[in-house]
Amino acid sequence: EAPADDLPPAGDVAVGAATPGLGTPDTVPPEVPADTGSESPADEAPA
């Protein structure tokens, strides 16, 4: 395993990247554009 000093700072971890020691990478949904005028249906909203 890599030593703890070789880990990047918490704020520098890329979105969706695998974080050592935290299991599988977190999945972040794409951003929804603001003021689209309509809301997506509830059943199509990303988890």
All heavy atoms as atom14 arrays in JSON, in Angstrom:
{
  "sequence": "EAPADDLPPAGDVAVGAATPGLGTPDTVPPEVPADTGSESPADEAPA",
  "atom14_mask": [
    [1, 1, 1, 1, 1, 1, 1, 1, 1, 0, 0, 0, 0, 0],
    [1, 1, 1, 1, 1, 0, 0, 0, 0, 0, 0, 0, 0, 0],
    [1, 1, 1, 1, 1, 1, 1, 0, 0, 0, 0, 0, 0, 0],
    [1, 1, 1, 1, 1, 0, 0, 0, 0, 0, 0, 0, 0, 0],
    [1, 1, 1, 1, 1, 1, 1, 1, 0, 0, 0, 0, 0, 0],
    [1, 1, 1, 1, 1, 1, 1, 1, 0, 0, 0, 0, 0, 0],
    [1, 1, 1, 1, 1, 1, 1, 1, 0, 0, 0, 0, 0, 0],
    [1, 1, 1, 1, 1, 1, 1, 0, 0, 0, 0, 0, 0, 0],
    [1, 1, 1, 1, 1, 1, 1, 0, 0, 0, 0, 0, 0, 0],
    [1, 1, 1, 1, 1, 0, 0, 0, 0, 0, 0, 0, 0, 0],
    [1, 1, 1, 1, 0, 0, 0, 0, 0, 0, 0, 0, 0, 0],
    [1, 1, 1, 1, 1, 1, 1, 1, 0, 0, 0, 0, 0, 0],
    [1, 1, 1, 1, 1, 1, 1, 0, 0, 0, 0, 0, 0, 0],
    [1, 1, 1, 1, 1, 0, 0, 0, 0, 0, 0, 0, 0, 0],
    [1, 1, 1, 1, 1, 1, 1, 0, 0, 0, 0, 0, 0, 0],
    [1, 1, 1, 1, 0, 0, 0, 0, 0, 0, 0, 0, 0, 0],
    [1, 1, 1, 1, 1, 0, 0, 0, 0, 0, 0, 0, 0, 0],
    [1, 1, 1, 1, 1, 0, 0, 0, 0, 0, 0, 0, 0, 0],
    [1, 1, 1, 1, 1, 1, 1, 0, 0, 0, 0, 0, 0, 0],
    [1, 1, 1, 1, 1, 1, 1, 0, 0, 0, 0, 0, 0, 0],
    [1, 1, 1, 1, 0, 0, 0, 0, 0, 0, 0, 0, 0, 0],
    [1, 1, 1, 1, 1, 1, 1, 1, 0, 0, 0, 0, 0, 0],
    [1, 1, 1, 1, 0, 0, 0, 0, 0, 0, 0, 0, 0, 0],
    [1, 1, 1, 1, 1, 1, 1, 0, 0, 0, 0, 0, 0, 0],
    [1, 1, 1, 1, 1, 1, 1, 0, 0, 0, 0, 0, 0, 0],
    [1, 1, 1, 1, 1, 1, 1, 1, 0, 0, 0, 0, 0, 0],
    [1, 1, 1, 1, 1, 1, 1, 0, 0, 0, 0, 0, 0, 0],
    [1, 1, 1, 1, 1, 1, 1, 0, 0, 0, 0, 0, 0, 0],
    [1, 1, 1, 1, 1, 1, 1, 0, 0, 0, 0, 0, 0, 0],
    [1, 1, 1, 1, 1, 1, 1, 0, 0, 0, 0, 0, 0, 0],
    [1, 1, 1, 1, 1, 1, 1, 1, 1, 0, 0, 0, 0, 0],
    [1, 1, 1, 1, 1, 1, 1, 0, 0, 0, 0, 0, 0, 0],
    [1, 1, 1, 1, 1, 1, 1, 0, 0, 0, 0, 0, 0, 0],
    [1, 1, 1, 1, 1, 0, 0, 0, 0, 0, 0, 0, 0, 0],
    [1, 1, 1, 1, 1, 1, 1, 1, 0, 0, 0, 0, 0, 0],
    [1, 1, 1, 1, 1, 1, 1, 0, 0, 0, 0, 0, 0, 0],
    [1, 1, 1, 1, 0, 0, 0, 0, 0, 0, 0, 0, 0, 0],
    [1, 1, 1, 1, 1, 1, 0, 0, 0, 0, 0, 0, 0, 0],
    [1, 1, 1, 1, 1, 1, 1, 1, 1, 0, 0, 0, 0, 0],
    [1, 1, 1, 1, 1, 1, 0, 0, 0, 0, 0, 0, 0, 0],
    [1, 1, 1, 1, 1, 1, 1, 0, 0, 0, 0, 0, 0, 0],
    [1, 1, 1, 1, 1, 0, 0, 0, 0, 0, 0, 0, 0, 0],
    [1, 1, 1, 1, 1, 1, 1, 1, 0, 0, 0, 0, 0, 0],
    [1, 1, 1, 1, 1, 1, 1, 1, 1, 0, 0, 0, 0, 0],
    [1, 1, 1, 1, 1, 0, 0, 0, 0, 0, 0, 0, 0, 0],
    [1, 1, 1, 1, 1, 1, 1, 0, 0, 0, 0, 0, 0, 0],
    [1, 1, 1, 1, 1, 0, 0, 0, 0, 0, 0, 0, 0, 0]
  ],
  "atom14_positions": [
    [[0.83, -1.19, 0.0], [0.0, 0.0, 0.0], [0.87, 1.25, 0.0], [1.97, 1.26, 0.53], [-0.91, 0.01, 1.22], [-1.86, -1.18, 1.28], [-2.69, -1.16, 2.54], [-2.39, -0.29, 3.39], [-3.62, -1.95, 2.67], [0.0, 0.0, 0.0], [0.0, 0.0, 0.0], [0.0, 0.0, 0.0], [0.0, 0.0, 0.0], [0.0, 0.0, 0.0]],
    [[0.35, 2.3, -0.55], [1.08, 3.55, -0.56], [1.02, 4.17, 0.82], [0.02, 4.09, 1.52], [0.47, 4.52, -1.58], [0.0, 0.0, 0.0], [0.0, 0.0, 0.0], [0.0, 0.0, 0.0], [0.0, 0.0, 0.0], [0.0, 0.0, 0.0], [0.0, 0.0, 0.0], [0.0, 0.0, 0.0], [0.0, 0.0, 0.0], [0.0, 0.0, 0.0]],
    [[2.1, 4.82, 1.29], [2.04, 5.48, 2.59], [1.07, 6.63, 2.58], [0.75, 7.21, 1.54], [3.49, 5.95, 2.8], [4.11, 5.96, 1.45], [3.41, 4.91, 0.64], [0.0, 0.0, 0.0], [0.0, 0.0, 0.0], [0.0, 0.0, 0.0], [0.0, 0.0, 0.0], [0.0, 0.0, 0.0], [0.0, 0.0, 0.0], [0.0, 0.0, 0.0]],
    [[0.6, 7.0, 3.78], [-0.42, 8.03, 3.89], [0.05, 9.37, 3.36], [-0.71, 10.16, 2.84], [-0.88, 8.17, 5.34], [0.0, 0.0, 0.0], [0.0, 0.0, 0.0], [0.0, 0.0, 0.0], [0.0, 0.0, 0.0], [0.0, 0.0, 0.0], [0.0, 0.0, 0.0], [0.0, 0.0, 0.0], [0.0, 0.0, 0.0], [0.0, 0.0, 0.0]],
    [[1.37, 9.65, 3.44], [1.88, 10.94, 2.97], [1.77, 11.08, 1.47], [1.85, 12.18, 0.93], [3.35, 11.09, 3.39], [3.49, 11.22, 4.88], [2.5, 11.56, 5.54], [4.6, 10.96, 5.38], [0.0, 0.0, 0.0], [0.0, 0.0, 0.0], [0.0, 0.0, 0.0], [0.0, 0.0, 0.0], [0.0, 0.0, 0.0], [0.0, 0.0, 0.0]],
    [[1.63, 9.98, 0.72], [1.55, 10.05, -0.72], [0.13, 10.29, -1.23], [-0.09, 10.44, -2.43], [2.07, 8.75, -1.35], [3.56, 8.6, -1.11], [4.2, 9.62, -0.84], [4.06, 7.46, -1.18], [0.0, 0.0, 0.0], [0.0, 0.0, 0.0], [0.0, 0.0, 0.0], [0.0, 0.0, 0.0], [0.0, 0.0, 0.0], [0.0, 0.0, 0.0]],
    [[-0.88, 10.31, -0.33], [-2.25, 10.55, -0.75], [-2.46, 12.03, -1.06], [-1.92, 12.9, -0.38], [-3.22, 10.13, 0.35], [-3.27, 8.62, 0.67], [-4.23, 8.4, 1.83], [-3.7, 7.83, -0.54], [0.0, 0.0, 0.0], [0.0, 0.0, 0.0], [0.0, 0.0, 0.0], [0.0, 0.0, 0.0], [0.0, 0.0, 0.0], [0.0, 0.0, 0.0]],
    [[-3.25, 12.35, -2.09], [-3.53, 13.76, -2.36], [-4.43, 14.34, -1.3], [-5.16, 13.62, -0.62], [-4.25, 13.69, -3.73], [-4.86, 12.32, -3.77], [-3.89, 11.44, -3.04], [0.0, 0.0, 0.0], [0.0, 0.0, 0.0], [0.0, 0.0, 0.0], [0.0, 0.0, 0.0], [0.0, 0.0, 0.0], [0.0, 0.0, 0.0], [0.0, 0.0, 0.0]],
    [[-4.39, 15.67, -1.08], [-5.28, 16.3, -0.09], [-6.74, 16.05, -0.44], [-7.09, 15.8, -1.6], [-4.92, 17.79, -0.19], [-3.57, 17.82, -0.82], [-3.49, 16.62, -1.71], [0.0, 0.0, 0.0], [0.0, 0.0, 0.0], [0.0, 0.0, 0.0], [0.0, 0.0, 0.0], [0.0, 0.0, 0.0], [0.0, 0.0, 0.0], [0.0, 0.0, 0.0]],
    [[-7.59, 16.11, 0.59], [-9.0, 15.78, 0.41], [-9.65, 16.67, -0.64], [-10.48, 16.23, -1.42], [-9.74, 15.91, 1.74], [0.0, 0.0, 0.0], [0.0, 0.0, 0.0], [0.0, 0.0, 0.0], [0.0, 0.0, 0.0], [0.0, 0.0, 0.0], [0.0, 0.0, 0.0], [0.0, 0.0, 0.0], [0.0, 0.0, 0.0], [0.0, 0.0, 0.0]],
    [[-9.29, 17.95, -0.69], [-9.91, 18.87, -1.64], [-9.43, 18.68, -3.06], [-10.0, 19.24, -3.98], [0.0, 0.0, 0.0], [0.0, 0.0, 0.0], [0.0, 0.0, 0.0], [0.0, 0.0, 0.0], [0.0, 0.0, 0.0], [0.0, 0.0, 0.0], [0.0, 0.0, 0.0], [0.0, 0.0, 0.0], [0.0, 0.0, 0.0], [0.0, 0.0, 0.0]],
    [[-8.33, 17.9, -3.29], [-7.77, 17.73, -4.63], [-8.19, 16.44, -5.28], [-7.75, 16.14, -6.39], [-6.23, 17.76, -4.56], [-5.73, 19.12, -4.11], [-6.51, 20.07, -4.23], [-4.57, 19.2, -3.66], [0.0, 0.0, 0.0], [0.0, 0.0, 0.0], [0.0, 0.0, 0.0], [0.0, 0.0, 0.0], [0.0, 0.0, 0.0], [0.0, 0.0, 0.0]],
    [[-9.04, 15.64, -4.63], [-9.46, 14.37, -5.22], [-10.44, 14.66, -6.35], [-11.41, 15.39, -6.17], [-10.12, 13.48, -4.16], [-10.62, 12.18, -4.78], [-9.13, 13.18, -3.05], [0.0, 0.0, 0.0], [0.0, 0.0, 0.0], [0.0, 0.0, 0.0], [0.0, 0.0, 0.0], [0.0, 0.0, 0.0], [0.0, 0.0, 0.0], [0.0, 0.0, 0.0]],
    [[-10.19, 14.1, -7.51], [-11.04, 14.34, -8.65], [-12.41, 13.71, -8.45], [-12.54, 12.65, -7.86], [-10.39, 13.78, -9.92], [0.0, 0.0, 0.0], [0.0, 0.0, 0.0], [0.0, 0.0, 0.0], [0.0, 0.0, 0.0], [0.0, 0.0, 0.0], [0.0, 0.0, 0.0], [0.0, 0.0, 0.0], [0.0, 0.0, 0.0], [0.0, 0.0, 0.0]],
    [[-13.45, 14.37, -8.99], [-14.81, 13.86, -8.87], [-14.92, 12.56, -9.65], [-14.52, 12.48, -10.82], [-15.82, 14.88, -9.4], [-17.23, 14.3, -9.4], [-15.76, 16.14, -8.56], [0.0, 0.0, 0.0], [0.0, 0.0, 0.0], [0.0, 0.0, 0.0], [0.0, 0.0, 0.0], [0.0, 0.0, 0.0], [0.0, 0.0, 0.0], [0.0, 0.0, 0.0]],
    [[-15.42, 11.53, -8.99], [-15.58, 10.24, -9.65], [-14.34, 9.4, -9.65], [-14.36, 8.3, -10.18], [0.0, 0.0, 0.0], [0.0, 0.0, 0.0], [0.0, 0.0, 0.0], [0.0, 0.0, 0.0], [0.0, 0.0, 0.0], [0.0, 0.0, 0.0], [0.0, 0.0, 0.0], [0.0, 0.0, 0.0], [0.0, 0.0, 0.0], [0.0, 0.0, 0.0]],
    [[-13.22, 9.9, -9.06], [-11.98, 9.13, -9.06], [-11.97, 8.19, -7.87], [-12.59, 8.46, -6.86], [-10.76, 10.05, -9.02], [0.0, 0.0, 0.0], [0.0, 0.0, 0.0], [0.0, 0.0, 0.0], [0.0, 0.0, 0.0], [0.0, 0.0, 0.0], [0.0, 0.0, 0.0], [0.0, 0.0, 0.0], [0.0, 0.0, 0.0], [0.0, 0.0, 0.0]],
    [[-11.19, 7.1, -8.01], [-11.08, 6.15, -6.91], [-10.23, 6.73, -5.81], [-9.13, 7.21, -6.06], [-10.48, 4.84, -7.41], [0.0, 0.0, 0.0], [0.0, 0.0, 0.0], [0.0, 0.0, 0.0], [0.0, 0.0, 0.0], [0.0, 0.0, 0.0], [0.0, 0.0, 0.0], [0.0, 0.0, 0.0], [0.0, 0.0, 0.0], [0.0, 0.0, 0.0]],
    [[-10.75, 6.73, -4.6], [-10.01, 7.22, -3.44], [-9.41, 6.06, -2.7], [-10.14, 5.17, -2.27], [-10.95, 7.99, -2.5], [-11.59, 9.02, -3.25], [-10.17, 8.6, -1.34], [0.0, 0.0, 0.0], [0.0, 0.0, 0.0], [0.0, 0.0, 0.0], [0.0, 0.0, 0.0], [0.0, 0.0, 0.0], [0.0, 0.0, 0.0], [0.0, 0.0, 0.0]],
    [[-8.06, 6.0, -2.55], [-7.46, 4.86, -1.85], [-8.03, 4.69, -0.45], [-8.13, 5.65, 0.3], [-5.96, 5.23, -1.81], [-5.78, 6.23, -2.91], [-7.08, 6.96, -3.02], [0.0, 0.0, 0.0], [0.0, 0.0, 0.0], [0.0, 0.0, 0.0], [0.0, 0.0, 0.0], [0.0, 0.0, 0.0], [0.0, 0.0, 0.0], [0.0, 0.0, 0.0]],
    [[-8.4, 3.44, -0.13], [-8.91, 3.15, 1.21], [-10.4, 3.37, 1.35], [-10.97, 3.1, 2.39], [0.0, 0.0, 0.0], [0.0, 0.0, 0.0], [0.0, 0.0, 0.0], [0.0, 0.0, 0.0], [0.0, 0.0, 0.0], [0.0, 0.0, 0.0], [0.0, 0.0, 0.0], [0.0, 0.0, 0.0], [0.0, 0.0, 0.0], [0.0, 0.0, 0.0]],
    [[-11.1, 3.93, 0.27], [-12.54, 4.21, 0.38], [-13.35, 3.31, -0.53], [-14.5, 3.6, -0.83], [-12.82, 5.67, 0.04], [-12.21, 6.7, 1.01], [-12.57, 8.09, 0.55], [-12.69, 6.46, 2.42], [0.0, 0.0, 0.0], [0.0, 0.0, 0.0], [0.0, 0.0, 0.0], [0.0, 0.0, 0.0], [0.0, 0.0, 0.0], [0.0, 0.0, 0.0]],
    [[-12.76, 2.24, -1.05], [-13.52, 1.29, -1.87], [-13.66, 1.78, -3.29], [-12.78, 2.42, -3.85], [0.0, 0.0, 0.0], [0.0, 0.0, 0.0], [0.0, 0.0, 0.0], [0.0, 0.0, 0.0], [0.0, 0.0, 0.0], [0.0, 0.0, 0.0], [0.0, 0.0, 0.0], [0.0, 0.0, 0.0], [0.0, 0.0, 0.0], [0.0, 0.0, 0.0]],
    [[-14.82, 1.55, -3.91], [-15.06, 1.92, -5.31], [-15.27, 3.41, -5.44], [-15.67, 4.09, -4.49], [-16.29, 1.19, -5.84], [-17.4, 1.52, -5.02], [-16.08, -0.32, -5.79], [0.0, 0.0, 0.0], [0.0, 0.0, 0.0], [0.0, 0.0, 0.0], [0.0, 0.0, 0.0], [0.0, 0.0, 0.0], [0.0, 0.0, 0.0], [0.0, 0.0, 0.0]],
    [[-15.01, 3.99, -6.63], [-15.19, 5.44, -6.79], [-16.65, 5.83, -6.67], [-17.55, 5.11, -7.1], [-14.65, 5.7, -8.2], [-14.72, 4.38, -8.89], [-14.48, 3.35, -7.83], [0.0, 0.0, 0.0], [0.0, 0.0, 0.0], [0.0, 0.0, 0.0], [0.0, 0.0, 0.0], [0.0, 0.0, 0.0], [0.0, 0.0, 0.0], [0.0, 0.0, 0.0]],
    [[-16.85, 7.02, -6.08], [-18.21, 7.54, -5.94], [-18.69, 8.05, -7.3], [-17.93, 8.63, -8.06], [-18.26, 8.68, -4.93], [-17.9, 8.19, -3.55], [-18.15, 7.02, -3.25], [-17.34, 9.0, -2.78], [0.0, 0.0, 0.0], [0.0, 0.0, 0.0], [0.0, 0.0, 0.0], [0.0, 0.0, 0.0], [0.0, 0.0, 0.0], [0.0, 0.0, 0.0]],
    [[-19.96, 7.84, -7.58], [-20.53, 8.3, -8.84], [-21.33, 9.57, -8.58], [-22.26, 9.58, -7.79], [-21.46, 7.22, -9.43], [-20.68, 6.04, -9.62], [-22.03, 7.67, -10.75], [0.0, 0.0, 0.0], [0.0, 0.0, 0.0], [0.0, 0.0, 0.0], [0.0, 0.0, 0.0], [0.0, 0.0, 0.0], [0.0, 0.0, 0.0], [0.0, 0.0, 0.0]],
    [[-20.97, 10.64, -9.25], [-21.63, 11.92, -9.08], [-22.44, 12.21, -10.34], [-21.89, 12.15, -11.45], [-20.61, 13.05, -8.84], [-21.32, 14.38, -8.68], [-19.8, 12.74, -7.6], [0.0, 0.0, 0.0], [0.0, 0.0, 0.0], [0.0, 0.0, 0.0], [0.0, 0.0, 0.0], [0.0, 0.0, 0.0], [0.0, 0.0, 0.0], [0.0, 0.0, 0.0]],
    [[-23.73, 12.48, -10.24], [-24.56, 12.71, -11.44], [-24.16, 14.01, -12.12], [-23.6, 14.91, -11.5], [-25.98, 12.77, -10.86], [-25.79, 13.21, -9.46], [-24.5, 12.62, -9.01], [0.0, 0.0, 0.0], [0.0, 0.0, 0.0], [0.0, 0.0, 0.0], [0.0, 0.0, 0.0], [0.0, 0.0, 0.0], [0.0, 0.0, 0.0], [0.0, 0.0, 0.0]],
    [[-24.41, 14.1, -13.39], [-24.09, 15.37, -14.09], [-24.93, 16.5, -13.55], [-26.03, 16.32, -13.06], [-24.43, 15.03, -15.55], [-25.43, 13.92, -15.48], [-25.03, 13.12, -14.29], [0.0, 0.0, 0.0], [0.0, 0.0, 0.0], [0.0, 0.0, 0.0], [0.0, 0.0, 0.0], [0.0, 0.0, 0.0], [0.0, 0.0, 0.0], [0.0, 0.0, 0.0]],
    [[-24.39, 17.7, -13.65], [-25.11, 18.88, -13.15], [-26.31, 19.19, -14.03], [-26.27, 19.05, -15.26], [-24.16, 20.08, -13.11], [-22.99, 19.89, -12.16], [-22.12, 21.13, -12.14], [-22.42, 22.07, -12.88], [-21.14, 21.12, -11.36], [0.0, 0.0, 0.0], [0.0, 0.0, 0.0], [0.0, 0.0, 0.0], [0.0, 0.0, 0.0], [0.0, 0.0, 0.0]],
    [[-27.38, 19.61, -13.4], [-28.61, 19.98, -14.12], [-28.54, 21.47, -14.45], [-28.32, 22.28, -13.55], [-29.85, 19.67, -13.28], [-31.13, 20.07, -14.0], [-29.88, 18.19, -12.94], [0.0, 0.0, 0.0], [0.0, 0.0, 0.0], [0.0, 0.0, 0.0], [0.0, 0.0, 0.0], [0.0, 0.0, 0.0], [0.0, 0.0, 0.0], [0.0, 0.0, 0.0]],
    [[-28.67, 21.87, -15.69], [-28.6, 23.32, -16.0], [-29.66, 24.1, -15.25], [-30.78, 23.65, -15.06], [-28.84, 23.36, -17.52], [-28.54, 21.96, -18.0], [-28.89, 21.05, -16.87], [0.0, 0.0, 0.0], [0.0, 0.0, 0.0], [0.0, 0.0, 0.0], [0.0, 0.0, 0.0], [0.0, 0.0, 0.0], [0.0, 0.0, 0.0], [0.0, 0.0, 0.0]],
    [[-29.3, 25.27, -14.79], [-30.23, 26.11, -14.01], [-31.28, 26.73, -14.93], [-31.01, 27.06, -16.09], [-29.45, 27.19, -13.28], [0.0, 0.0, 0.0], [0.0, 0.0, 0.0], [0.0, 0.0, 0.0], [0.0, 0.0, 0.0], [0.0, 0.0, 0.0], [0.0, 0.0, 0.0], [0.0, 0.0, 0.0], [0.0, 0.0, 0.0], [0.0, 0.0, 0.0]],
    [[-32.51, 26.96, -14.37], [-33.61, 27.66, -15.05], [-33.95, 27.04, -16.4], [-33.98, 27.69, -17.45], [-33.28, 29.14, -15.25], [-33.03, 29.83, -13.93], [-33.64, 29.41, -12.93], [-32.21, 30.78, -13.9], [0.0, 0.0, 0.0], [0.0, 0.0, 0.0], [0.0, 0.0, 0.0], [0.0, 0.0, 0.0], [0.0, 0.0, 0.0], [0.0, 0.0, 0.0]],
    [[-34.15, 25.74, -16.41], [-34.51, 25.08, -17.67], [-35.99, 25.27, -17.99], [-36.42, 24.97, -19.1], [-34.21, 23.58, -17.57], [-34.91, 23.03, -16.46], [-32.71, 23.36, -17.38], [0.0, 0.0, 0.0], [0.0, 0.0, 0.0], [0.0, 0.0, 0.0], [0.0, 0.0, 0.0], [0.0, 0.0, 0.0], [0.0, 0.0, 0.0], [0.0, 0.0, 0.0]],
    [[-36.75, 25.71, -17.0], [-38.17, 25.95, -17.23], [-39.04, 24.73, -16.97], [-40.26, 24.84, -16.96], [0.0, 0.0, 0.0], [0.0, 0.0, 0.0], [0.0, 0.0, 0.0], [0.0, 0.0, 0.0], [0.0, 0.0, 0.0], [0.0, 0.0, 0.0], [0.0, 0.0, 0.0], [0.0, 0.0, 0.0], [0.0, 0.0, 0.0], [0.0, 0.0, 0.0]],
    [[-38.47, 23.64, -16.81], [-39.25, 22.42, -16.51], [-38.42, 21.51, -15.66], [-37.2, 21.53, -15.73], [-39.66, 21.72, -17.81], [-38.51, 21.31, -18.51], [0.0, 0.0, 0.0], [0.0, 0.0, 0.0], [0.0, 0.0, 0.0], [0.0, 0.0, 0.0], [0.0, 0.0, 0.0], [0.0, 0.0, 0.0], [0.0, 0.0, 0.0], [0.0, 0.0, 0.0]],
    [[-39.07, 20.76, -14.87], [-38.41, 19.82, -14.01], [-38.51, 18.42, -14.62], [-39.52, 18.07, -15.22], [-39.05, 19.81, -12.63], [-38.88, 21.14, -11.89], [-39.48, 21.07, -10.52], [-40.06, 20.02, -10.19], [-39.38, 22.06, -9.77], [0.0, 0.0, 0.0], [0.0, 0.0, 0.0], [0.0, 0.0, 0.0], [0.0, 0.0, 0.0], [0.0, 0.0, 0.0]],
    [[-37.48, 17.66, -14.45], [-37.51, 16.29, -14.96], [-38.44, 15.48, -14.09], [-38.59, 15.74, -12.91], [-36.1, 15.68, -14.93], [-35.6, 15.71, -13.62], [0.0, 0.0, 0.0], [0.0, 0.0, 0.0], [0.0, 0.0, 0.0], [0.0, 0.0, 0.0], [0.0, 0.0, 0.0], [0.0, 0.0, 0.0], [0.0, 0.0, 0.0], [0.0, 0.0, 0.0]],
    [[-39.11, 14.49, -14.66], [-40.01, 13.64, -13.86], [-39.25, 12.98, -12.73], [-38.06, 12.75, -12.81], [-40.5, 12.6, -14.89], [-40.29, 13.25, -16.23], [-39.11, 14.14, -16.09], [0.0, 0.0, 0.0], [0.0, 0.0, 0.0], [0.0, 0.0, 0.0], [0.0, 0.0, 0.0], [0.0, 0.0, 0.0], [0.0, 0.0, 0.0], [0.0, 0.0, 0.0]],
    [[-40.03, 12.69, -11.7], [-39.42, 12.14, -10.49], [-38.77, 10.79, -10.78], [-37.75, 10.46, -10.21], [-40.47, 11.99, -9.39], [0.0, 0.0, 0.0], [0.0, 0.0, 0.0], [0.0, 0.0, 0.0], [0.0, 0.0, 0.0], [0.0, 0.0, 0.0], [0.0, 0.0, 0.0], [0.0, 0.0, 0.0], [0.0, 0.0, 0.0], [0.0, 0.0, 0.0]],
    [[-39.42, 9.99, -11.68], [-38.86, 8.67, -11.91], [-37.6, 8.72, -12.77], [-36.9, 7.73, -12.92], [-39.89, 7.75, -12.58], [-40.45, 8.36, -13.87], [-40.1, 9.54, -14.14], [-41.2, 7.66, -14.57], [0.0, 0.0, 0.0], [0.0, 0.0, 0.0], [0.0, 0.0, 0.0], [0.0, 0.0, 0.0], [0.0, 0.0, 0.0], [0.0, 0.0, 0.0]],
    [[-37.32, 9.9, -13.42], [-36.11, 10.02, -14.21], [-35.02, 10.78, -13.49], [-33.94, 11.0, -14.03], [-36.41, 10.73, -15.53], [-37.4, 9.95, -16.4], [-37.68, 10.68, -17.69], [-37.08, 11.76, -17.89], [-38.48, 10.18, -18.5], [0.0, 0.0, 0.0], [0.0, 0.0, 0.0], [0.0, 0.0, 0.0], [0.0, 0.0, 0.0], [0.0, 0.0, 0.0]],
    [[-35.27, 11.22, -12.28], [-34.26, 12.0, -11.53], [-33.11, 11.08, -11.15], [-33.34, 9.96, -10.71], [-34.89, 12.62, -10.28], [0.0, 0.0, 0.0], [0.0, 0.0, 0.0], [0.0, 0.0, 0.0], [0.0, 0.0, 0.0], [0.0, 0.0, 0.0], [0.0, 0.0, 0.0], [0.0, 0.0, 0.0], [0.0, 0.0, 0.0], [0.0, 0.0, 0.0]],
    [[-31.88, 11.52, -11.3], [-30.74, 10.68, -10.9], [-30.72, 10.46, -9.4], [-31.1, 11.32, -8.63], [-29.52, 11.5, -11.36], [-30.02, 12.9, -11.48], [-31.45, 12.82, -11.85], [0.0, 0.0, 0.0], [0.0, 0.0, 0.0], [0.0, 0.0, 0.0], [0.0, 0.0, 0.0], [0.0, 0.0, 0.0], [0.0, 0.0, 0.0], [0.0, 0.0, 0.0]],
    [[-30.28, 9.26, -9.02], [-30.27, 8.9, -7.59], [-29.35, 9.82, -6.83], [-28.23, 10.1, -7.27], [-29.83, 7.43, -7.43], [0.0, 0.0, 0.0], [0.0, 0.0, 0.0], [0.0, 0.0, 0.0], [0.0, 0.0, 0.0], [0.0, 0.0, 0.0], [0.0, 0.0, 0.0], [0.0, 0.0, 0.0], [0.0, 0.0, 0.0], [0.0, 0.0, 0.0]]
  ]
}
